């Protein structure tokens, strides 16, 4: 998905939506996702959960101040988007999120009724 923006002199520039790199690990308590979002601020990050679909949207502003002149077009910044589907085993409504040093960490717990439990025999 690309958005086009008009620049000076009638030229156009295309802003691409990037799919960020991520790593997922899982244990008996849940899943941990680490998503690389370099240069993204907390204010520019949006997480949405709709049923079992987790959507991550983020924008990284251009690092070049307006008053500087550049030798090449640095673009208007990057847009990131990642869509993940959680299995029924996970409780997306209990997800915890933290952004630190350009890495978004999401901890998604296993639903209580999906955890193994011991059944006693009479």
PDB file of N, CA and C in Angstrom:
ATOM      1  N   UNK A   1       0.844  -1.168   0.000  1.00  0.00           N
ATOM      2  CA  UNK A   1       0.000   0.000   0.000  1.00  0.00           C
ATOM      3  C   UNK A   1       0.889   1.229   0.000  1.00  0.00           C
ATOM      4  N   UNK A   2       0.696   2.098  -0.947  1.00  0.00           N
ATOM      5  CA  UNK A   2       1.509   3.291  -1.056  1.00  0.00           C
ATOM      6  C   UNK A   2       0.633   4.526  -1.093  1.00  0.00           C
ATOM      7  N   UNK A   3       1.128   5.609  -0.533  1.00  0.00           N
ATOM      8  CA  UNK A   3       0.431   6.887  -0.578  1.00  0.00           C
ATOM      9  C   UNK A   3       1.303   7.846  -1.367  1.00  0.00           C
ATOM     10  N   UNK A   4       0.706   8.670  -2.202  1.00  0.00           N
ATOM     11  CA  UNK A   4       1.456   9.617  -3.009  1.00  0.00           C
ATOM     12  C   UNK A   4       1.246  11.013  -2.455  1.00  0.00           C
ATOM     13  N   UNK A   5       2.328  11.767  -2.409  1.00  0.00           N
ATOM     14  CA  UNK A   5       2.279  13.122  -1.858  1.00  0.00           C
ATOM     15  C   UNK A   5       2.930  14.056  -2.873  1.00  0.00           C
ATOM     16  N   UNK A   6       2.358  15.244  -3.070  1.00  0.00           N
ATOM     17  CA  UNK A   6       2.903  16.201  -4.022  1.00  0.00           C
ATOM     18  C   UNK A   6       3.987  17.028  -3.348  1.00  0.00           C
ATOM     19  N   UNK A   7       5.088  17.229  -4.062  1.00  0.00           N
ATOM     20  CA  UNK A   7       6.198  18.040  -3.553  1.00  0.00           C
ATOM     21  C   UNK A   7       6.367  19.240  -4.469  1.00  0.00           C
ATOM     22  N   UNK A   8       7.412  20.007  -4.268  1.00  0.00           N
ATOM     23  CA  UNK A   8       7.617  21.206  -5.083  1.00  0.00           C
ATOM     24  C   UNK A   8       7.854  20.870  -6.554  1.00  0.00           C
ATOM     25  N   UNK A   9       7.672  21.826  -7.397  1.00  0.00           N
ATOM     26  CA  UNK A   9       7.945  21.733  -8.837  1.00  0.00           C
ATOM     27  C   UNK A   9       7.125  20.666  -9.543  1.00  0.00           C
ATOM     28  N   UNK A  10       5.970  20.292  -9.000  1.00  0.00           N
ATOM     29  CA  UNK A  10       5.094  19.326  -9.643  1.00  0.00           C
ATOM     30  C   UNK A  10       5.543  17.879  -9.531  1.00  0.00           C
ATOM     31  N   UNK A  11       6.612  17.624  -8.790  1.00  0.00           N
ATOM     32  CA  UNK A  11       7.093  16.252  -8.617  1.00  0.00           C
ATOM     33  C   UNK A  11       6.276  15.558  -7.532  1.00  0.00           C
ATOM     34  N   UNK A  12       6.200  14.254  -7.603  1.00  0.00           N
ATOM     35  CA  UNK A  12       5.504  13.485  -6.575  1.00  0.00           C
ATOM     36  C   UNK A  12       6.479  12.524  -5.924  1.00  0.00           C
ATOM     37  N   UNK A  13       6.151  12.174  -4.704  1.00  0.00           N
ATOM     38  CA  UNK A  13       6.987  11.247  -3.946  1.00  0.00           C
ATOM     39  C   UNK A  13       6.049  10.192  -3.381  1.00  0.00           C
ATOM     40  N   UNK A  14       6.476   8.957  -3.418  1.00  0.00           N
ATOM     41  CA  UNK A  14       5.658   7.872  -2.911  1.00  0.00           C
ATOM     42  C   UNK A  14       6.145   7.468  -1.534  1.00  0.00           C
ATOM     43  N   UNK A  15       5.213   7.388  -0.591  1.00  0.00           N
ATOM     44  CA  UNK A  15       5.530   6.959   0.771  1.00  0.00           C
ATOM     45  C   UNK A  15       5.121   5.499   0.890  1.00  0.00           C
ATOM     46  N   UNK A  16       6.089   4.639   1.061  1.00  0.00           N
ATOM     47  CA  UNK A  16       5.808   3.203   1.121  1.00  0.00           C
ATOM     48  C   UNK A  16       5.455   2.785   2.542  1.00  0.00           C
ATOM     49  N   UNK A  17       4.614   1.786   2.640  1.00  0.00           N
ATOM     50  CA  UNK A  17       4.314   1.182   3.926  1.00  0.00           C
ATOM     51  C   UNK A  17       5.205  -0.033   4.067  1.00  0.00           C
ATOM     52  N   UNK A  18       5.998  -0.051   5.119  1.00  0.00           N
ATOM     53  CA  UNK A  18       6.954  -1.126   5.336  1.00  0.00           C
ATOM     54  C   UNK A  18       6.408  -2.143   6.326  1.00  0.00           C
ATOM     55  N   UNK A  19       6.764  -3.392   6.143  1.00  0.00           N
ATOM     56  CA  UNK A  19       6.415  -4.446   7.102  1.00  0.00           C
ATOM     57  C   UNK A  19       7.633  -4.632   8.006  1.00  0.00           C
ATOM     58  N   UNK A  20       7.497  -4.293   9.282  1.00  0.00           N
ATOM     59  CA  UNK A  20       8.667  -4.374  10.174  1.00  0.00           C
ATOM     60  C   UNK A  20       9.066  -5.822  10.457  1.00  0.00           C
ATOM     61  N   UNK A  21      10.324  -5.996  10.772  1.00  0.00           N
ATOM     62  CA  UNK A  21      10.807  -7.315  11.172  1.00  0.00           C
ATOM     63  C   UNK A  21      10.323  -7.599  12.576  1.00  0.00           C
ATOM     64  N   UNK A  22      10.025  -8.865  12.850  1.00  0.00           N
ATOM     65  CA  UNK A  22       9.588  -9.237  14.192  1.00  0.00           C
ATOM     66  C   UNK A  22      10.025 -10.659  14.503  1.00  0.00           C
ATOM     67  N   UNK A  23      10.045 -10.947  15.792  1.00  0.00           N
ATOM     68  CA  UNK A  23      10.392 -12.285  16.267  1.00  0.00           C
ATOM     69  C   UNK A  23       9.373 -12.676  17.317  1.00  0.00           C
ATOM     70  N   UNK A  24       8.889 -13.901  17.231  1.00  0.00           N
ATOM     71  CA  UNK A  24       7.897 -14.401  18.190  1.00  0.00           C
ATOM     72  C   UNK A  24       8.455 -15.618  18.905  1.00  0.00           C
ATOM     73  N   UNK A  25       8.261 -15.632  20.218  1.00  0.00           N
ATOM     74  CA  UNK A  25       8.618 -16.805  21.017  1.00  0.00           C
ATOM     75  C   UNK A  25       7.399 -17.169  21.850  1.00  0.00           C
ATOM     76  N   UNK A  26       7.327 -18.440  22.210  1.00  0.00           N
ATOM     77  CA  UNK A  26       6.163 -18.912  22.952  1.00  0.00           C
ATOM     78  C   UNK A  26       6.603 -19.861  24.050  1.00  0.00           C
ATOM     79  N   UNK A  27       5.910 -19.773  25.188  1.00  0.00           N
ATOM     80  CA  UNK A  27       6.113 -20.716  26.281  1.00  0.00           C
ATOM     81  C   UNK A  27       4.753 -21.085  26.854  1.00  0.00           C
ATOM     82  N   UNK A  28       4.731 -21.767  27.994  1.00  0.00           N
ATOM     83  CA  UNK A  28       3.462 -22.231  28.559  1.00  0.00           C
ATOM     84  C   UNK A  28       2.563 -21.092  29.051  1.00  0.00           C
ATOM     85  N   UNK A  29       3.141 -19.899  29.283  1.00  0.00           N
ATOM     86  CA  UNK A  29       2.361 -18.759  29.786  1.00  0.00           C
ATOM     87  C   UNK A  29       1.826 -17.852  28.694  1.00  0.00           C
ATOM     88  N   UNK A  30       2.412 -17.913  27.497  1.00  0.00           N
ATOM     89  CA  UNK A  30       1.957 -17.047  26.419  1.00  0.00           C
ATOM     90  C   UNK A  30       3.014 -16.841  25.365  1.00  0.00           C
ATOM     91  N   UNK A  31       2.818 -15.809  24.574  1.00  0.00           N
ATOM     92  CA  UNK A  31       3.738 -15.484  23.489  1.00  0.00           C
ATOM     93  C   UNK A  31       4.326 -14.099  23.718  1.00  0.00           C
ATOM     94  N   UNK A  32       5.570 -13.936  23.286  1.00  0.00           N
ATOM     95  CA  UNK A  32       6.234 -12.641  23.319  1.00  0.00           C
ATOM     96  C   UNK A  32       6.625 -12.289  21.899  1.00  0.00           C
ATOM     97  N   UNK A  33       6.208 -11.112  21.460  1.00  0.00           N
ATOM     98  CA  UNK A  33       6.552 -10.609  20.134  1.00  0.00           C
ATOM     99  C   UNK A  33       7.466  -9.416  20.307  1.00  0.00           C
ATOM    100  N   UNK A  34       8.542  -9.390  19.552  1.00  0.00           N
ATOM    101  CA  UNK A  34       9.451  -8.242  19.532  1.00  0.00           C
ATOM    102  C   UNK A  34       9.457  -7.718  18.104  1.00  0.00           C
ATOM    103  N   UNK A  35       9.033  -6.447  17.953  1.00  0.00           N
ATOM    104  CA  UNK A  35       8.885  -5.839  16.634  1.00  0.00           C
ATOM    105  C   UNK A  35       9.874  -4.685  16.516  1.00  0.00           C
ATOM    106  N   UNK A  36      10.687  -4.695  15.465  1.00  0.00           N
ATOM    107  CA  UNK A  36      11.670  -3.634  15.240  1.00  0.00           C
ATOM    108  C   UNK A  36      11.000  -2.424  14.605  1.00  0.00           C
ATOM    109  N   UNK A  37      10.980  -1.316  15.344  1.00  0.00           N
ATOM    110  CA  UNK A  37      10.398  -0.056  14.866  1.00  0.00           C
ATOM    111  C   UNK A  37      11.389   1.081  15.142  1.00  0.00           C
ATOM    112  N   UNK A  38      12.532   1.080  14.462  1.00  0.00           N
ATOM    113  CA  UNK A  38      13.560   2.087  14.753  1.00  0.00           C
ATOM    114  C   UNK A  38      13.075   3.501  14.481  1.00  0.00           C
ATOM    115  N   UNK A  39      13.337   4.388  15.427  1.00  0.00           N
ATOM    116  CA  UNK A  39      12.999   5.792  15.273  1.00  0.00           C
ATOM    117  C   UNK A  39      11.546   6.144  15.542  1.00  0.00           C
ATOM    118  N   UNK A  40      10.731   5.162  15.927  1.00  0.00           N
ATOM    119  CA  UNK A  40       9.313   5.416  16.181  1.00  0.00           C
ATOM    120  C   UNK A  40       9.133   5.846  17.637  1.00  0.00           C
ATOM    121  N   UNK A  41       8.354   6.913  17.825  1.00  0.00           N
ATOM    122  CA  UNK A  41       8.035   7.377  19.172  1.00  0.00           C
ATOM    123  C   UNK A  41       6.713   6.745  19.617  1.00  0.00           C
ATOM    124  N   UNK A  42       6.527   6.677  20.919  1.00  0.00           N
ATOM    125  CA  UNK A  42       5.302   6.105  21.483  1.00  0.00           C
ATOM    126  C   UNK A  42       4.053   6.804  20.949  1.00  0.00           C
ATOM    127  N   UNK A  43       4.134   8.116  20.753  1.00  0.00           N
ATOM    128  CA  UNK A  43       3.002   8.896  20.266  1.00  0.00           C
ATOM    129  C   UNK A  43       2.628   8.548  18.829  1.00  0.00           C
ATOM    130  N   UNK A  44       3.574   7.967  18.093  1.00  0.00           N
ATOM    131  CA  UNK A  44       3.361   7.649  16.678  1.00  0.00           C
ATOM    132  C   UNK A  44       3.057   6.173  16.455  1.00  0.00           C
ATOM    133  N   UNK A  45       2.649   5.494  17.513  1.00  0.00           N
ATOM    134  CA  UNK A  45       2.389   4.062  17.468  1.00  0.00           C
ATOM    135  C   UNK A  45       0.930   3.790  17.792  1.00  0.00           C
ATOM    136  N   UNK A  46       0.300   2.929  17.018  1.00  0.00           N
ATOM    137  CA  UNK A  46      -1.100   2.587  17.245  1.00  0.00           C
ATOM    138  C   UNK A  46      -1.250   1.068  17.183  1.00  0.00           C
ATOM    139  N   UNK A  47      -1.821   0.489  18.246  1.00  0.00           N
ATOM    140  CA  UNK A  47      -2.087  -0.946  18.314  1.00  0.00           C
ATOM    141  C   UNK A  47      -3.593  -1.140  18.350  1.00  0.00           C
ATOM    142  N   UNK A  48      -4.097  -2.027  17.519  1.00  0.00           N
ATOM    143  CA  UNK A  48      -5.524  -2.288  17.449  1.00  0.00           C
ATOM    144  C   UNK A  48      -5.764  -3.786  17.497  1.00  0.00           C
ATOM    145  N   UNK A  49      -6.711  -4.194  18.335  1.00  0.00           N
ATOM    146  CA  UNK A  49      -7.096  -5.600  18.408  1.00  0.00           C
ATOM    147  C   UNK A  49      -8.563  -5.694  18.025  1.00  0.00           C
ATOM    148  N   UNK A  50      -8.854  -6.431  16.971  1.00  0.00           N
ATOM    149  CA  UNK A  50     -10.222  -6.666  16.534  1.00  0.00           C
ATOM    150  C   UNK A  50     -10.403  -8.168  16.418  1.00  0.00           C
ATOM    151  N   UNK A  51     -11.192  -8.711  17.349  1.00  0.00           N
ATOM    152  CA  UNK A  51     -11.366 -10.160  17.486  1.00  0.00           C
ATOM    153  C   UNK A  51      -9.997 -10.792  17.673  1.00  0.00           C
ATOM    154  N   UNK A  52      -9.506 -11.561  16.728  1.00  0.00           N
ATOM    155  CA  UNK A  52      -8.193 -12.193  16.906  1.00  0.00           C
ATOM    156  C   UNK A  52      -7.113 -11.533  16.050  1.00  0.00           C
ATOM    157  N   UNK A  53      -7.416 -10.392  15.444  1.00  0.00           N
ATOM    158  CA  UNK A  53      -6.458  -9.704  14.580  1.00  0.00           C
ATOM    159  C   UNK A  53      -5.784  -8.563  15.327  1.00  0.00           C
ATOM    160  N   UNK A  54      -4.476  -8.626  15.423  1.00  0.00           N
ATOM    161  CA  UNK A  54      -3.676  -7.585  16.063  1.00  0.00           C
ATOM    162  C   UNK A  54      -3.010  -6.775  14.958  1.00  0.00           C
ATOM    163  N   UNK A  55      -3.272  -5.472  14.950  1.00  0.00           N
ATOM    164  CA  UNK A  55      -2.712  -4.593  13.923  1.00  0.00           C
ATOM    165  C   UNK A  55      -1.786  -3.586  14.580  1.00  0.00           C
ATOM    166  N   UNK A  56      -0.590  -3.468  14.036  1.00  0.00           N
ATOM    167  CA  UNK A  56       0.407  -2.519  14.525  1.00  0.00           C
ATOM    168  C   UNK A  56       0.656  -1.510  13.414  1.00  0.00           C
ATOM    169  N   UNK A  57       0.460  -0.226  13.725  1.00  0.00           N
ATOM    170  CA  UNK A  57       0.720   0.853  12.778  1.00  0.00           C
ATOM    171  C   UNK A  57       1.644   1.855  13.450  1.00  0.00           C
ATOM    172  N   UNK A  58       2.645   2.317  12.712  1.00  0.00           N
ATOM    173  CA  UNK A  58       3.593   3.271  13.283  1.00  0.00           C
ATOM    174  C   UNK A  58       4.137   4.170  12.180  1.00  0.00           C
ATOM    175  N   UNK A  59       4.560   5.359  12.584  1.00  0.00           N
ATOM    176  CA  UNK A  59       5.162   6.308  11.658  1.00  0.00           C
ATOM    177  C   UNK A  59       6.470   6.805  12.253  1.00  0.00           C
ATOM    178  N   UNK A  60       7.490   6.817  11.430  1.00  0.00           N
ATOM    179  CA  UNK A  60       8.774   7.383  11.846  1.00  0.00           C
ATOM    180  C   UNK A  60       8.975   8.665  11.051  1.00  0.00           C
ATOM    181  N   UNK A  61       9.082   9.757  11.771  1.00  0.00           N
ATOM    182  CA  UNK A  61       9.267  11.052  11.122  1.00  0.00           C
ATOM    183  C   UNK A  61      10.655  11.138  10.498  1.00  0.00           C
ATOM    184  N   UNK A  62      10.761  11.987   9.493  1.00  0.00           N
ATOM    185  CA  UNK A  62      12.046  12.221   8.856  1.00  0.00           C
ATOM    186  C   UNK A  62      13.008  12.806   9.884  1.00  0.00           C
ATOM    187  N   UNK A  63      14.237  12.322   9.900  1.00  0.00           N
ATOM    188  CA  UNK A  63      15.218  12.768  10.891  1.00  0.00           C
ATOM    189  C   UNK A  63      15.927  14.051  10.479  1.00  0.00           C
ATOM    190  N   UNK A  64      15.637  14.562   9.288  1.00  0.00           N
ATOM    191  CA  UNK A  64      16.327  15.752   8.791  1.00  0.00           C
ATOM    192  C   UNK A  64      15.474  16.987   9.082  1.00  0.00           C
ATOM    193  N   UNK A  65      16.002  17.948   9.842  1.00  0.00           N
ATOM    194  CA  UNK A  65      15.248  19.177  10.115  1.00  0.00           C
ATOM    195  C   UNK A  65      14.913  19.925   8.827  1.00  0.00           C
ATOM    196  N   UNK A  66      13.795  20.641   8.820  1.00  0.00           N
ATOM    197  CA  UNK A  66      13.316  21.341   7.623  1.00  0.00           C
ATOM    198  C   UNK A  66      14.317  22.362   7.095  1.00  0.00           C
ATOM    199  N   UNK A  67      15.061  22.993   7.974  1.00  0.00           N
ATOM    200  CA  UNK A  67      15.969  24.058   7.537  1.00  0.00           C
ATOM    201  C   UNK A  67      17.270  23.522   6.918  1.00  0.00           C
ATOM    202  N   UNK A  68      17.527  22.241   6.980  1.00  0.00           N
ATOM    203  CA  UNK A  68      18.728  21.649   6.388  1.00  0.00           C
ATOM    204  C   UNK A  68      18.501  21.379   4.908  1.00  0.00           C
ATOM    205  N   UNK A  69      19.589  21.431   4.163  1.00  0.00           N
ATOM    206  CA  UNK A  69      19.551  21.048   2.749  1.00  0.00           C
ATOM    207  C   UNK A  69      20.196  19.662   2.644  1.00  0.00           C
ATOM    208  N   UNK A  70      19.580  18.812   1.830  1.00  0.00           N
ATOM    209  CA  UNK A  70      20.128  17.466   1.662  1.00  0.00           C
ATOM    210  C   UNK A  70      20.535  17.258   0.211  1.00  0.00           C
ATOM    211  N   UNK A  71      21.414  16.293  -0.007  1.00  0.00           N
ATOM    212  CA  UNK A  71      21.879  15.975  -1.356  1.00  0.00           C
ATOM    213  C   UNK A  71      20.968  14.976  -2.050  1.00  0.00           C
ATOM    214  N   UNK A  72      20.128  14.341  -1.279  1.00  0.00           N
ATOM    215  CA  UNK A  72      19.170  13.392  -1.867  1.00  0.00           C
ATOM    216  C   UNK A  72      17.867  13.487  -1.082  1.00  0.00           C
ATOM    217  N   UNK A  73      16.812  13.023  -1.703  1.00  0.00           N
ATOM    218  CA  UNK A  73      15.494  13.060  -1.071  1.00  0.00           C
ATOM    219  C   UNK A  73      15.448  12.004   0.027  1.00  0.00           C
ATOM    220  N   UNK A  74      15.216  12.432   1.251  1.00  0.00           N
ATOM    221  CA  UNK A  74      15.145  11.491   2.375  1.00  0.00           C
ATOM    222  C   UNK A  74      13.731  11.010   2.611  1.00  0.00           C
ATOM    223  N   UNK A  75      12.775  11.517   1.849  1.00  0.00           N
ATOM    224  CA  UNK A  75      11.386  11.100   2.013  1.00  0.00           C
ATOM    225  C   UNK A  75      10.743  11.795   3.196  1.00  0.00           C
ATOM    226  N   UNK A  76       9.482  11.509   3.389  1.00  0.00           N
ATOM    227  CA  UNK A  76       8.754  12.160   4.471  1.00  0.00           C
ATOM    228  C   UNK A  76       8.711  11.300   5.724  1.00  0.00           C
ATOM    229  N   UNK A  77       9.457  10.224   5.738  1.00  0.00           N
ATOM    230  CA  UNK A  77       9.440   9.319   6.867  1.00  0.00           C
ATOM    231  C   UNK A  77       8.929   7.962   6.438  1.00  0.00           C
ATOM    232  N   UNK A  78       8.923   7.046   7.339  1.00  0.00           N
ATOM    233  CA  UNK A  78       8.486   5.688   7.027  1.00  0.00           C
ATOM    234  C   UNK A  78       7.212   5.363   7.774  1.00  0.00           C
ATOM    235  N   UNK A  79       6.357   4.582   7.121  1.00  0.00           N
ATOM    236  CA  UNK A  79       5.153   4.060   7.758  1.00  0.00           C
ATOM    237  C   UNK A  79       5.336   2.556   7.876  1.00  0.00           C
ATOM    238  N   UNK A  80       5.047   2.050   9.052  1.00  0.00           N
ATOM    239  CA  UNK A  80       5.121   0.619   9.301  1.00  0.00           C
ATOM    240  C   UNK A  80       3.716   0.078   9.535  1.00  0.00           C
ATOM    241  N   UNK A  81       3.482  -1.131   9.053  1.00  0.00           N
ATOM    242  CA  UNK A  81       2.212  -1.789   9.319  1.00  0.00           C
ATOM    243  C   UNK A  81       2.446  -3.296   9.379  1.00  0.00           C
ATOM    244  N   UNK A  82       1.884  -3.909  10.425  1.00  0.00           N
ATOM    245  CA  UNK A  82       2.001  -5.354  10.604  1.00  0.00           C
ATOM    246  C   UNK A  82       0.665  -5.868  11.109  1.00  0.00           C
ATOM    247  N   UNK A  83       0.140  -6.888  10.450  1.00  0.00           N
ATOM    248  CA  UNK A  83      -1.111  -7.524  10.848  1.00  0.00           C
ATOM    249  C   UNK A  83      -0.813  -8.956  11.256  1.00  0.00           C
ATOM    250  N   UNK A  84      -1.227  -9.314  12.450  1.00  0.00           N
ATOM    251  CA  UNK A  84      -1.009 -10.665  12.963  1.00  0.00           C
ATOM    252  C   UNK A  84      -2.333 -11.250  13.424  1.00  0.00           C
ATOM    253  N   UNK A  85      -2.505 -12.534  13.196  1.00  0.00           N
ATOM    254  CA  UNK A  85      -3.700 -13.219  13.676  1.00  0.00           C
ATOM    255  C   UNK A  85      -3.298 -14.077  14.871  1.00  0.00           C
ATOM    256  N   UNK A  86      -3.969 -13.846  15.991  1.00  0.00           N
ATOM    257  CA  UNK A  86      -3.714 -14.629  17.200  1.00  0.00           C
ATOM    258  C   UNK A  86      -4.568 -15.893  17.168  1.00  0.00           C
ATOM    259  N   UNK A  87      -3.994 -17.001  17.574  1.00  0.00           N
ATOM    260  CA  UNK A  87      -4.784 -18.226  17.636  1.00  0.00           C
ATOM    261  C   UNK A  87      -5.733 -18.144  18.823  1.00  0.00           C
ATOM    262  N   UNK A  88      -6.702 -19.033  18.855  1.00  0.00           N
ATOM    263  CA  UNK A  88      -7.711 -19.026  19.918  1.00  0.00           C
ATOM    264  C   UNK A  88      -7.109 -19.286  21.298  1.00  0.00           C
ATOM    265  N   UNK A  89      -5.925 -19.814  21.314  1.00  0.00           N
ATOM    266  CA  UNK A  89      -5.244 -20.132  22.569  1.00  0.00           C
ATOM    267  C   UNK A  89      -4.868 -18.871  23.363  1.00  0.00           C
ATOM    268  N   UNK A  90      -4.694 -17.747  22.671  1.00  0.00           N
ATOM    269  CA  UNK A  90      -4.207 -16.521  23.303  1.00  0.00           C
ATOM    270  C   UNK A  90      -5.328 -15.548  23.624  1.00  0.00           C
ATOM    271  N   UNK A  91      -5.130 -14.794  24.709  1.00  0.00           N
ATOM    272  CA  UNK A  91      -6.086 -13.781  25.143  1.00  0.00           C
ATOM    273  C   UNK A  91      -5.547 -12.404  24.761  1.00  0.00           C
ATOM    274  N   UNK A  92      -5.883 -11.957  23.559  1.00  0.00           N
ATOM    275  CA  UNK A  92      -5.390 -10.677  23.058  1.00  0.00           C
ATOM    276  C   UNK A  92      -5.820  -9.489  23.891  1.00  0.00           C
ATOM    277  N   UNK A  93      -6.952  -9.604  24.588  1.00  0.00           N
ATOM    278  CA  UNK A  93      -7.441  -8.485  25.402  1.00  0.00           C
ATOM    279  C   UNK A  93      -6.565  -8.226  26.619  1.00  0.00           C
ATOM    280  N   UNK A  94      -5.705  -9.161  26.962  1.00  0.00           N
ATOM    281  CA  UNK A  94      -4.797  -9.003  28.109  1.00  0.00           C
ATOM    282  C   UNK A  94      -3.358  -8.691  27.682  1.00  0.00           C
ATOM    283  N   UNK A  95      -3.184  -8.287  26.425  1.00  0.00           N
ATOM    284  CA  UNK A  95      -1.851  -8.002  25.889  1.00  0.00           C
ATOM    285  C   UNK A  95      -1.220  -6.815  26.596  1.00  0.00           C
ATOM    286  N   UNK A  96       0.065  -6.949  26.911  1.00  0.00           N
ATOM    287  CA  UNK A  96       0.845  -5.850  27.496  1.00  0.00           C
ATOM    288  C   UNK A  96       1.869  -5.421  26.458  1.00  0.00           C
ATOM    289  N   UNK A  97       2.060  -4.097  26.332  1.00  0.00           N
ATOM    290  CA  UNK A  97       2.968  -3.557  25.324  1.00  0.00           C
ATOM    291  C   UNK A  97       3.939  -2.570  25.937  1.00  0.00           C
ATOM    292  N   UNK A  98       5.179  -2.591  25.441  1.00  0.00           N
ATOM    293  CA  UNK A  98       6.201  -1.636  25.874  1.00  0.00           C
ATOM    294  C   UNK A  98       7.092  -1.311  24.677  1.00  0.00           C
ATOM    295  N   UNK A  99       7.466  -0.040  24.554  1.00  0.00           N
ATOM    296  CA  UNK A  99       8.359   0.407  23.483  1.00  0.00           C
ATOM    297  C   UNK A  99       9.631   0.916  24.130  1.00  0.00           C
ATOM    298  N   UNK A 100      10.761   0.314  23.761  1.00  0.00           N
ATOM    299  CA  UNK A 100      12.045   0.706  24.338  1.00  0.00           C
ATOM    300  C   UNK A 100      13.124   0.593  23.268  1.00  0.00           C
ATOM    301  N   UNK A 101      13.827   1.694  23.020  1.00  0.00           N
ATOM    302  CA  UNK A 101      14.956   1.732  22.084  1.00  0.00           C
ATOM    303  C   UNK A 101      14.585   1.196  20.706  1.00  0.00           C
ATOM    304  N   UNK A 102      13.389   1.552  20.226  1.00  0.00           N
ATOM    305  CA  UNK A 102      12.978   1.155  18.892  1.00  0.00           C
ATOM    306  C   UNK A 102      12.474  -0.271  18.763  1.00  0.00           C
ATOM    307  N   UNK A 103      12.277  -0.948  19.894  1.00  0.00           N
ATOM    308  CA  UNK A 103      11.751  -2.311  19.871  1.00  0.00           C
ATOM    309  C   UNK A 103      10.445  -2.340  20.656  1.00  0.00           C
ATOM    310  N   UNK A 104       9.379  -2.738  19.983  1.00  0.00           N
ATOM    311  CA  UNK A 104       8.080  -2.906  20.614  1.00  0.00           C
ATOM    312  C   UNK A 104       7.997  -4.341  21.114  1.00  0.00           C
ATOM    313  N   UNK A 105       7.740  -4.503  22.414  1.00  0.00           N
ATOM    314  CA  UNK A 105       7.594  -5.835  23.001  1.00  0.00           C
ATOM    315  C   UNK A 105       6.141  -6.023  23.412  1.00  0.00           C
ATOM    316  N   UNK A 106       5.540  -7.076  22.895  1.00  0.00           N
ATOM    317  CA  UNK A 106       4.162  -7.424  23.219  1.00  0.00           C
ATOM    318  C   UNK A 106       4.148  -8.758  23.932  1.00  0.00           C
ATOM    319  N   UNK A 107       3.482  -8.805  25.067  1.00  0.00           N
ATOM    320  CA  UNK A 107       3.322 -10.059  25.803  1.00  0.00           C
ATOM    321  C   UNK A 107       1.846 -10.423  25.768  1.00  0.00           C
ATOM    322  N   UNK A 108       1.548 -11.548  25.124  1.00  0.00           N
ATOM    323  CA  UNK A 108       0.167 -12.002  24.955  1.00  0.00           C
ATOM    324  C   UNK A 108      -0.003 -13.289  25.753  1.00  0.00           C
ATOM    325  N   UNK A 109      -0.795 -13.263  26.827  1.00  0.00           N
ATOM    326  CA  UNK A 109      -0.938 -14.453  27.666  1.00  0.00           C
ATOM    327  C   UNK A 109      -1.855 -15.513  27.042  1.00  0.00           C
ATOM    328  N   UNK A 110      -1.669 -16.734  27.516  1.00  0.00           N
ATOM    329  CA  UNK A 110      -2.552 -17.829  27.131  1.00  0.00           C
ATOM    330  C   UNK A 110      -3.858 -17.667  27.904  1.00  0.00           C
ATOM    331  N   UNK A 111      -4.981 -17.918  27.254  1.00  0.00           N
ATOM    332  CA  UNK A 111      -6.276 -17.857  27.938  1.00  0.00           C
ATOM    333  C   UNK A 111      -6.292 -18.890  29.059  1.00  0.00           C
ATOM    334  N   UNK A 112      -6.927 -18.550  30.157  1.00  0.00           N
ATOM    335  CA  UNK A 112      -6.988 -19.455  31.314  1.00  0.00           C
ATOM    336  C   UNK A 112      -7.586 -20.811  30.957  1.00  0.00           C
ATOM    337  N   UNK A 113      -8.647 -20.800  30.144  1.00  0.00           N
ATOM    338  CA  UNK A 113      -9.277 -22.070  29.797  1.00  0.00           C
ATOM    339  C   UNK A 113      -8.471 -22.873  28.777  1.00  0.00           C
ATOM    340  N   UNK A 114      -7.407 -22.289  28.232  1.00  0.00           N
ATOM    341  CA  UNK A 114      -6.548 -23.006  27.289  1.00  0.00           C
ATOM    342  C   UNK A 114      -5.307 -23.585  27.969  1.00  0.00           C
ATOM    343  N   UNK A 115      -5.103 -23.242  29.249  1.00  0.00           N
ATOM    344  CA  UNK A 115      -3.955 -23.777  29.982  1.00  0.00           C
ATOM    345  C   UNK A 115      -4.235 -25.209  30.422  1.00  0.00           C
ATOM    346  N   UNK A 116      -3.194 -26.028  30.441  1.00  0.00           N
ATOM    347  CA  UNK A 116      -3.403 -27.399  30.904  1.00  0.00           C
ATOM    348  C   UNK A 116      -3.773 -27.424  32.397  1.00  0.00           C
ATOM    349  N   UNK A 117      -4.618 -28.317  32.761  1.00  0.00           N
ATOM    350  CA  UNK A 117      -4.997 -28.452  34.174  1.00  0.00           C
ATOM    351  C   UNK A 117      -5.065 -29.943  34.511  1.00  0.00           C
ATOM    352  N   UNK A 118      -4.841 -30.195  35.748  1.00  0.00           N
ATOM    353  CA  UNK A 118      -4.816 -31.558  36.216  1.00  0.00           C
ATOM    354  C   UNK A 118      -6.239 -32.000  36.572  1.00  0.00           C
ATOM    355  N   UNK A 119      -6.555 -33.202  36.170  1.00  0.00           N
ATOM    356  CA  UNK A 119      -7.887 -33.761  36.460  1.00  0.00           C
ATOM    357  C   UNK A 119      -7.689 -34.911  37.413  1.00  0.00           C
ATOM    358  N   UNK A 120      -8.369 -34.833  38.534  1.00  0.00           N
ATOM    359  CA  UNK A 120      -8.238 -35.907  39.536  1.00  0.00           C
ATOM    360  C   UNK A 120      -9.167 -37.064  39.189  1.00  0.00           C
ATOM    361  N   UNK A 121      -8.713 -38.244  39.538  1.00  0.00           N
ATOM    362  CA  UNK A 121      -9.498 -39.462  39.297  1.00  0.00           C
ATOM    363  C   UNK A 121     -10.094 -39.912  40.630  1.00  0.00           C
ATOM    364  N   UNK A 122     -11.394 -40.168  40.651  1.00  0.00           N
ATOM    365  CA  UNK A 122     -12.070 -40.634  41.861  1.00  0.00           C
ATOM    366  C   UNK A 122     -11.999 -42.133  41.979  1.00  0.00           C
TER     367      UNK A 122
END
